[in-house]
Amino acid sequence: MAIYRLLQNSTMEPELISRITAAYEQALHTLCVVDRDDPLTEMIAKKIIKVAQTGVHDPAQISAQAIRELEMR
């Protein structure tokens, strides 16, 4: 999946990576993205990482903000 590929060489703390992956999974579920090879998943993953790096800690908030910024749903 896109998120794991983007994070594989990351120097982020494990706790942040956990929040990011949870937010990513939630965003895919909310947007009904089933095909994990869909190019949309990488766009979502990048936005999730960007939002998480702004200091938002709650995966649900990260997911919701990323979706808003992508102007989806």
PDB file of N, CA and C in Angstrom:
ATOM      1  N   MET A   1       0.836  -1.186   0.000  1.00  0.00           N
ATOM      2  CA  MET A   1       0.000   0.000   0.000  1.00  0.00           C
ATOM      3  C   MET A   1       0.878   1.246   0.000  1.00  0.00           C
ATOM      4  N   ALA A   2       0.329   2.297  -0.505  1.00  0.00           N
ATOM      5  CA  ALA A   2       1.066   3.550  -0.679  1.00  0.00           C
ATOM      6  C   ALA A   2       1.653   4.071   0.630  1.00  0.00           C
ATOM      7  N   ILE A   3       0.896   4.032   1.694  1.00  0.00           N
ATOM      8  CA  ILE A   3       1.361   4.623   2.954  1.00  0.00           C
ATOM      9  C   ILE A   3       2.589   3.897   3.488  1.00  0.00           C
ATOM     10  N   TYR A   4       2.590   2.584   3.396  1.00  0.00           N
ATOM     11  CA  TYR A   4       3.717   1.813   3.916  1.00  0.00           C
ATOM     12  C   TYR A   4       4.966   2.039   3.074  1.00  0.00           C
ATOM     13  N   ARG A   5       4.804   2.166   1.773  1.00  0.00           N
ATOM     14  CA  ARG A   5       5.931   2.439   0.894  1.00  0.00           C
ATOM     15  C   ARG A   5       6.513   3.820   1.202  1.00  0.00           C
ATOM     16  N   LEU A   6       5.651   4.802   1.430  1.00  0.00           N
ATOM     17  CA  LEU A   6       6.118   6.160   1.724  1.00  0.00           C
ATOM     18  C   LEU A   6       6.798   6.261   3.087  1.00  0.00           C
ATOM     19  N   LEU A   7       6.396   5.421   4.024  1.00  0.00           N
ATOM     20  CA  LEU A   7       6.937   5.494   5.383  1.00  0.00           C
ATOM     21  C   LEU A   7       8.090   4.528   5.639  1.00  0.00           C
ATOM     22  N   GLN A   8       8.404   3.653   4.685  1.00  0.00           N
ATOM     23  CA  GLN A   8       9.349   2.584   4.963  1.00  0.00           C
ATOM     24  C   GLN A   8      10.735   3.065   5.378  1.00  0.00           C
ATOM     25  N   ASN A   9      11.208   4.187   4.893  1.00  0.00           N
ATOM     26  CA  ASN A   9      12.523   4.700   5.289  1.00  0.00           C
ATOM     27  C   ASN A   9      12.403   5.943   6.172  1.00  0.00           C
ATOM     28  N   SER A  10      11.253   6.094   6.784  1.00  0.00           N
ATOM     29  CA  SER A  10      10.979   7.273   7.592  1.00  0.00           C
ATOM     30  C   SER A  10      11.752   7.252   8.909  1.00  0.00           C
ATOM     31  N   THR A  11      12.090   8.433   9.379  1.00  0.00           N
ATOM     32  CA  THR A  11      12.739   8.574  10.683  1.00  0.00           C
ATOM     33  C   THR A  11      11.729   9.025  11.747  1.00  0.00           C
ATOM     34  N   MET A  12      10.440   8.963  11.401  1.00  0.00           N
ATOM     35  CA  MET A  12       9.393   9.367  12.347  1.00  0.00           C
ATOM     36  C   MET A  12       9.314   8.377  13.506  1.00  0.00           C
ATOM     37  N   GLU A  13       8.813   8.881  14.619  1.00  0.00           N
ATOM     38  CA  GLU A  13       8.603   8.043  15.792  1.00  0.00           C
ATOM     39  C   GLU A  13       7.534   6.990  15.495  1.00  0.00           C
ATOM     40  N   PRO A  14       7.677   5.796  16.076  1.00  0.00           N
ATOM     41  CA  PRO A  14       6.683   4.730  15.849  1.00  0.00           C
ATOM     42  C   PRO A  14       5.251   5.153  16.190  1.00  0.00           C
ATOM     43  N   GLU A  15       5.094   5.967  17.219  1.00  0.00           N
ATOM     44  CA  GLU A  15       3.749   6.419  17.615  1.00  0.00           C
ATOM     45  C   GLU A  15       3.118   7.275  16.513  1.00  0.00           C
ATOM     46  N   LEU A  16       3.912   8.153  15.904  1.00  0.00           N
ATOM     47  CA  LEU A  16       3.406   8.989  14.810  1.00  0.00           C
ATOM     48  C   LEU A  16       3.066   8.123  13.599  1.00  0.00           C
ATOM     49  N   ILE A  17       3.906   7.163  13.291  1.00  0.00           N
ATOM     50  CA  ILE A  17       3.634   6.258  12.169  1.00  0.00           C
ATOM     51  C   ILE A  17       2.341   5.495  12.407  1.00  0.00           C
ATOM     52  N   SER A  18       2.112   5.088  13.635  1.00  0.00           N
ATOM     53  CA  SER A  18       0.881   4.378  13.984  1.00  0.00           C
ATOM     54  C   SER A  18      -0.342   5.266  13.764  1.00  0.00           C
ATOM     55  N   ARG A  19      -0.257   6.526  14.180  1.00  0.00           N
ATOM     56  CA  ARG A  19      -1.368   7.465  13.974  1.00  0.00           C
ATOM     57  C   ARG A  19      -1.599   7.723  12.491  1.00  0.00           C
ATOM     58  N   ILE A  20      -0.526   7.840  11.741  1.00  0.00           N
ATOM     59  CA  ILE A  20      -0.631   8.086  10.304  1.00  0.00           C
ATOM     60  C   ILE A  20      -1.302   6.912   9.603  1.00  0.00           C
ATOM     61  N   THR A  21      -0.881   5.702   9.921  1.00  0.00           N
ATOM     62  CA  THR A  21      -1.471   4.537   9.247  1.00  0.00           C
ATOM     63  C   THR A  21      -2.938   4.372   9.636  1.00  0.00           C
ATOM     64  N   ALA A  22      -3.276   4.673  10.888  1.00  0.00           N
ATOM     65  CA  ALA A  22      -4.679   4.596  11.311  1.00  0.00           C
ATOM     66  C   ALA A  22      -5.514   5.636  10.559  1.00  0.00           C
ATOM     67  N   ALA A  23      -4.990   6.834  10.418  1.00  0.00           N
ATOM     68  CA  ALA A  23      -5.700   7.895   9.697  1.00  0.00           C
ATOM     69  C   ALA A  23      -5.862   7.528   8.228  1.00  0.00           C
ATOM     70  N   TYR A  24      -4.845   6.937   7.654  1.00  0.00           N
ATOM     71  CA  TYR A  24      -4.884   6.511   6.252  1.00  0.00           C
ATOM     72  C   TYR A  24      -5.971   5.462   6.035  1.00  0.00           C
ATOM     73  N   GLU A  25      -5.985   4.458   6.904  1.00  0.00           N
ATOM     74  CA  GLU A  25      -7.007   3.404   6.793  1.00  0.00           C
ATOM     75  C   GLU A  25      -8.405   3.994   6.936  1.00  0.00           C
ATOM     76  N   GLN A  26      -8.557   4.925   7.872  1.00  0.00           N
ATOM     77  CA  GLN A  26      -9.859   5.552   8.084  1.00  0.00           C
ATOM     78  C   GLN A  26     -10.271   6.364   6.857  1.00  0.00           C
ATOM     79  N   ALA A  27      -9.344   7.093   6.267  1.00  0.00           N
ATOM     80  CA  ALA A  27      -9.659   7.894   5.076  1.00  0.00           C
ATOM     81  C   ALA A  27     -10.082   6.993   3.920  1.00  0.00           C
ATOM     82  N   LEU A  28      -9.374   5.892   3.713  1.00  0.00           N
ATOM     83  CA  LEU A  28      -9.747   4.972   2.637  1.00  0.00           C
ATOM     84  C   LEU A  28     -11.140   4.403   2.872  1.00  0.00           C
ATOM     85  N   HIS A  29     -11.432   4.070   4.117  1.00  0.00           N
ATOM     86  CA  HIS A  29     -12.759   3.538   4.452  1.00  0.00           C
ATOM     87  C   HIS A  29     -13.838   4.605   4.209  1.00  0.00           C
ATOM     88  N   THR A  30     -13.592   5.812   4.681  1.00  0.00           N
ATOM     89  CA  THR A  30     -14.557   6.905   4.522  1.00  0.00           C
ATOM     90  C   THR A  30     -14.834   7.188   3.049  1.00  0.00           C
ATOM     91  N   LEU A  31     -13.780   7.125   2.247  1.00  0.00           N
ATOM     92  CA  LEU A  31     -13.907   7.432   0.823  1.00  0.00           C
ATOM     93  C   LEU A  31     -14.285   6.209  -0.015  1.00  0.00           C
ATOM     94  N   CYS A  32     -14.468   5.075   0.659  1.00  0.00           N
ATOM     95  CA  CYS A  32     -14.851   3.821  -0.018  1.00  0.00           C
ATOM     96  C   CYS A  32     -13.842   3.410  -1.089  1.00  0.00           C
ATOM     97  N   VAL A  33     -12.565   3.623  -0.795  1.00  0.00           N
ATOM     98  CA  VAL A  33     -11.507   3.195  -1.714  1.00  0.00           C
ATOM     99  C   VAL A  33     -11.142   1.764  -1.352  1.00  0.00           C
ATOM    100  N   VAL A  34     -11.472   0.839  -2.230  1.00  0.00           N
ATOM    101  CA  VAL A  34     -11.235  -0.581  -1.987  1.00  0.00           C
ATOM    102  C   VAL A  34      -9.958  -1.050  -2.678  1.00  0.00           C
ATOM    103  N   ASP A  35      -9.712  -0.547  -3.880  1.00  0.00           N
ATOM    104  CA  ASP A  35      -8.548  -0.950  -4.661  1.00  0.00           C
ATOM    105  C   ASP A  35      -7.308  -0.242  -4.118  1.00  0.00           C
ATOM    106  N   ARG A  36      -6.483  -0.979  -3.394  1.00  0.00           N
ATOM    107  CA  ARG A  36      -5.301  -0.381  -2.776  1.00  0.00           C
ATOM    108  C   ARG A  36      -4.216  -0.037  -3.794  1.00  0.00           C
ATOM    109  N   ASP A  37      -4.400  -0.438  -5.051  1.00  0.00           N
ATOM    110  CA  ASP A  37      -3.460  -0.084  -6.118  1.00  0.00           C
ATOM    111  C   ASP A  37      -3.929   1.141  -6.900  1.00  0.00           C
ATOM    112  N   ASP A  38      -5.082   1.683  -6.527  1.00  0.00           N
ATOM    113  CA  ASP A  38      -5.617   2.881  -7.169  1.00  0.00           C
ATOM    114  C   ASP A  38      -4.633   4.038  -6.932  1.00  0.00           C
ATOM    115  N   PRO A  39      -4.277   4.798  -7.952  1.00  0.00           N
ATOM    116  CA  PRO A  39      -3.363   5.939  -7.783  1.00  0.00           C
ATOM    117  C   PRO A  39      -3.862   6.941  -6.734  1.00  0.00           C
ATOM    118  N   LEU A  40      -5.141   6.974  -6.502  1.00  0.00           N
ATOM    119  CA  LEU A  40      -5.718   7.860  -5.491  1.00  0.00           C
ATOM    120  C   LEU A  40      -5.147   7.569  -4.103  1.00  0.00           C
ATOM    121  N   THR A  41      -4.786   6.311  -3.831  1.00  0.00           N
ATOM    122  CA  THR A  41      -4.285   5.961  -2.501  1.00  0.00           C
ATOM    123  C   THR A  41      -2.984   6.683  -2.178  1.00  0.00           C
ATOM    124  N   GLU A  42      -2.129   6.881  -3.174  1.00  0.00           N
ATOM    125  CA  GLU A  42      -0.876   7.595  -2.925  1.00  0.00           C
ATOM    126  C   GLU A  42      -1.135   9.068  -2.640  1.00  0.00           C
ATOM    127  N   MET A  43      -2.073   9.661  -3.347  1.00  0.00           N
ATOM    128  CA  MET A  43      -2.431  11.051  -3.105  1.00  0.00           C
ATOM    129  C   MET A  43      -2.977  11.210  -1.677  1.00  0.00           C
ATOM    130  N   ILE A  44      -3.813  10.282  -1.257  1.00  0.00           N
ATOM    131  CA  ILE A  44      -4.367  10.307   0.095  1.00  0.00           C
ATOM    132  C   ILE A  44      -3.244  10.129   1.114  1.00  0.00           C
ATOM    133  N   ALA A  45      -2.352   9.177   0.867  1.00  0.00           N
ATOM    134  CA  ALA A  45      -1.248   8.910   1.795  1.00  0.00           C
ATOM    135  C   ALA A  45      -0.373  10.144   1.985  1.00  0.00           C
ATOM    136  N   LYS A  46      -0.037  10.799   0.913  1.00  0.00           N
ATOM    137  CA  LYS A  46       0.810  11.990   0.999  1.00  0.00           C
ATOM    138  C   LYS A  46       0.120  13.100   1.782  1.00  0.00           C
ATOM    139  N   LYS A  47      -1.181  13.266   1.565  1.00  0.00           N
ATOM    140  CA  LYS A  47      -1.914  14.305   2.285  1.00  0.00           C
ATOM    141  C   LYS A  47      -2.012  13.960   3.770  1.00  0.00           C
ATOM    142  N   ILE A  48      -2.239  12.681   4.089  1.00  0.00           N
ATOM    143  CA  ILE A  48      -2.308  12.237   5.490  1.00  0.00           C
ATOM    144  C   ILE A  48      -0.988  12.548   6.193  1.00  0.00           C
ATOM    145  N   ILE A  49       0.122  12.225   5.555  1.00  0.00           N
ATOM    146  CA  ILE A  49       1.443  12.476   6.152  1.00  0.00           C
ATOM    147  C   ILE A  49       1.641  13.971   6.366  1.00  0.00           C
ATOM    148  N   LYS A  50       1.274  14.771   5.390  1.00  0.00           N
ATOM    149  CA  LYS A  50       1.426  16.225   5.497  1.00  0.00           C
ATOM    150  C   LYS A  50       0.615  16.781   6.664  1.00  0.00           C
ATOM    151  N   VAL A  51      -0.618  16.343   6.786  1.00  0.00           N
ATOM    152  CA  VAL A  51      -1.476  16.821   7.877  1.00  0.00           C
ATOM    153  C   VAL A  51      -0.914  16.372   9.230  1.00  0.00           C
ATOM    154  N   ALA A  52      -0.475  15.129   9.314  1.00  0.00           N
ATOM    155  CA  ALA A  52       0.059  14.606  10.579  1.00  0.00           C
ATOM    156  C   ALA A  52       1.299  15.372  11.020  1.00  0.00           C
ATOM    157  N   GLN A  53       2.065  15.863  10.077  1.00  0.00           N
ATOM    158  CA  GLN A  53       3.280  16.603  10.415  1.00  0.00           C
ATOM    159  C   GLN A  53       3.004  18.028  10.888  1.00  0.00           C
ATOM    160  N   THR A  54       1.739  18.462  10.813  1.00  0.00           N
ATOM    161  CA  THR A  54       1.388  19.796  11.303  1.00  0.00           C
ATOM    162  C   THR A  54       1.115  19.796  12.801  1.00  0.00           C
ATOM    163  N   GLY A  55       1.109  18.611  13.406  1.00  0.00           N
ATOM    164  CA  GLY A  55       0.891  18.531  14.843  1.00  0.00           C
ATOM    165  C   GLY A  55      -0.462  17.983  15.249  1.00  0.00           C
ATOM    166  N   VAL A  56      -1.309  17.670  14.299  1.00  0.00           N
ATOM    167  CA  VAL A  56      -2.598  17.050  14.621  1.00  0.00           C
ATOM    168  C   VAL A  56      -2.294  15.628  15.089  1.00  0.00           C
ATOM    169  N   HIS A  57      -2.863  15.231  16.250  1.00  0.00           N
ATOM    170  CA  HIS A  57      -2.513  13.941  16.838  1.00  0.00           C
ATOM    171  C   HIS A  57      -3.580  12.865  16.680  1.00  0.00           C
ATOM    172  N   ASP A  58      -4.828  13.243  16.606  1.00  0.00           N
ATOM    173  CA  ASP A  58      -5.905  12.263  16.549  1.00  0.00           C
ATOM    174  C   ASP A  58      -6.068  11.733  15.121  1.00  0.00           C
ATOM    175  N   PRO A  59      -5.980  10.406  14.935  1.00  0.00           N
ATOM    176  CA  PRO A  59      -6.120   9.847  13.587  1.00  0.00           C
ATOM    177  C   PRO A  59      -7.415  10.253  12.885  1.00  0.00           C
ATOM    178  N   ALA A  60      -8.513  10.336  13.619  1.00  0.00           N
ATOM    179  CA  ALA A  60      -9.786  10.738  13.010  1.00  0.00           C
ATOM    180  C   ALA A  60      -9.714  12.174  12.499  1.00  0.00           C
ATOM    181  N   GLN A  61      -9.065  13.046  13.262  1.00  0.00           N
ATOM    182  CA  GLN A  61      -8.917  14.438  12.837  1.00  0.00           C
ATOM    183  C   GLN A  61      -7.961  14.557  11.659  1.00  0.00           C
ATOM    184  N   ILE A  62      -6.891  13.767  11.681  1.00  0.00           N
ATOM    185  CA  ILE A  62      -5.943  13.763  10.564  1.00  0.00           C
ATOM    186  C   ILE A  62      -6.669  13.350   9.290  1.00  0.00           C
ATOM    187  N   SER A  63      -7.437  12.263   9.394  1.00  0.00           N
ATOM    188  CA  SER A  63      -8.181  11.743   8.251  1.00  0.00           C
ATOM    189  C   SER A  63      -9.171  12.777   7.726  1.00  0.00           C
ATOM    190  N   ALA A  64      -9.961  13.354   8.615  1.00  0.00           N
ATOM    191  CA  ALA A  64     -10.982  14.330   8.220  1.00  0.00           C
ATOM    192  C   ALA A  64     -10.361  15.560   7.573  1.00  0.00           C
ATOM    193  N   GLN A  65      -9.268  16.050   8.143  1.00  0.00           N
ATOM    194  CA  GLN A  65      -8.625  17.237   7.581  1.00  0.00           C
ATOM    195  C   GLN A  65      -8.022  16.928   6.211  1.00  0.00           C
ATOM    196  N   ALA A  66      -7.410  15.767   6.066  1.00  0.00           N
ATOM    197  CA  ALA A  66      -6.835  15.385   4.774  1.00  0.00           C
ATOM    198  C   ALA A  66      -7.921  15.293   3.709  1.00  0.00           C
ATOM    199  N   ILE A  67      -9.050  14.702   4.062  1.00  0.00           N
ATOM    200  CA  ILE A  67     -10.158  14.583   3.108  1.00  0.00           C
ATOM    201  C   ILE A  67     -10.659  15.964   2.721  1.00  0.00           C
ATOM    202  N   ARG A  68     -10.792  16.858   3.713  1.00  0.00           N
ATOM    203  CA  ARG A  68     -11.223  18.234   3.409  1.00  0.00           C
ATOM    204  C   ARG A  68     -10.227  18.917   2.476  1.00  0.00           C
ATOM    205  N   GLU A  69      -8.946  18.752   2.745  1.00  0.00           N
ATOM    206  CA  GLU A  69      -7.928  19.401   1.916  1.00  0.00           C
ATOM    207  C   GLU A  69      -7.879  18.832   0.513  1.00  0.00           C
ATOM    208  N   LEU A  70      -8.246  17.574   0.379  1.00  0.00           N
ATOM    209  CA  LEU A  70      -8.312  16.972  -0.949  1.00  0.00           C
ATOM    210  C   LEU A  70      -9.628  17.311  -1.653  1.00  0.00           C
ATOM    211  N   GLU A  71     -10.527  17.982  -0.910  1.00  0.00           N
ATOM    212  CA  GLU A  71     -11.849  18.374  -1.409  1.00  0.00           C
ATOM    213  C   GLU A  71     -12.633  17.184  -1.935  1.00  0.00           C
ATOM    214  N   MET A  72     -12.711  16.144  -1.110  1.00  0.00           N
ATOM    215  CA  MET A  72     -13.440  14.940  -1.467  1.00  0.00           C
ATOM    216  C   MET A  72     -14.589  14.736  -0.506  1.00  0.00           C
ATOM    217  N   ARG A  73     -15.566  13.980  -0.969  1.00  0.00           N
ATOM    218  CA  ARG A  73     -16.716  13.525  -0.205  1.00  0.00           C
ATOM    219  C   ARG A  73     -17.684  14.627   0.073  1.00  0.00           C
TER     220      ARG A  73
END
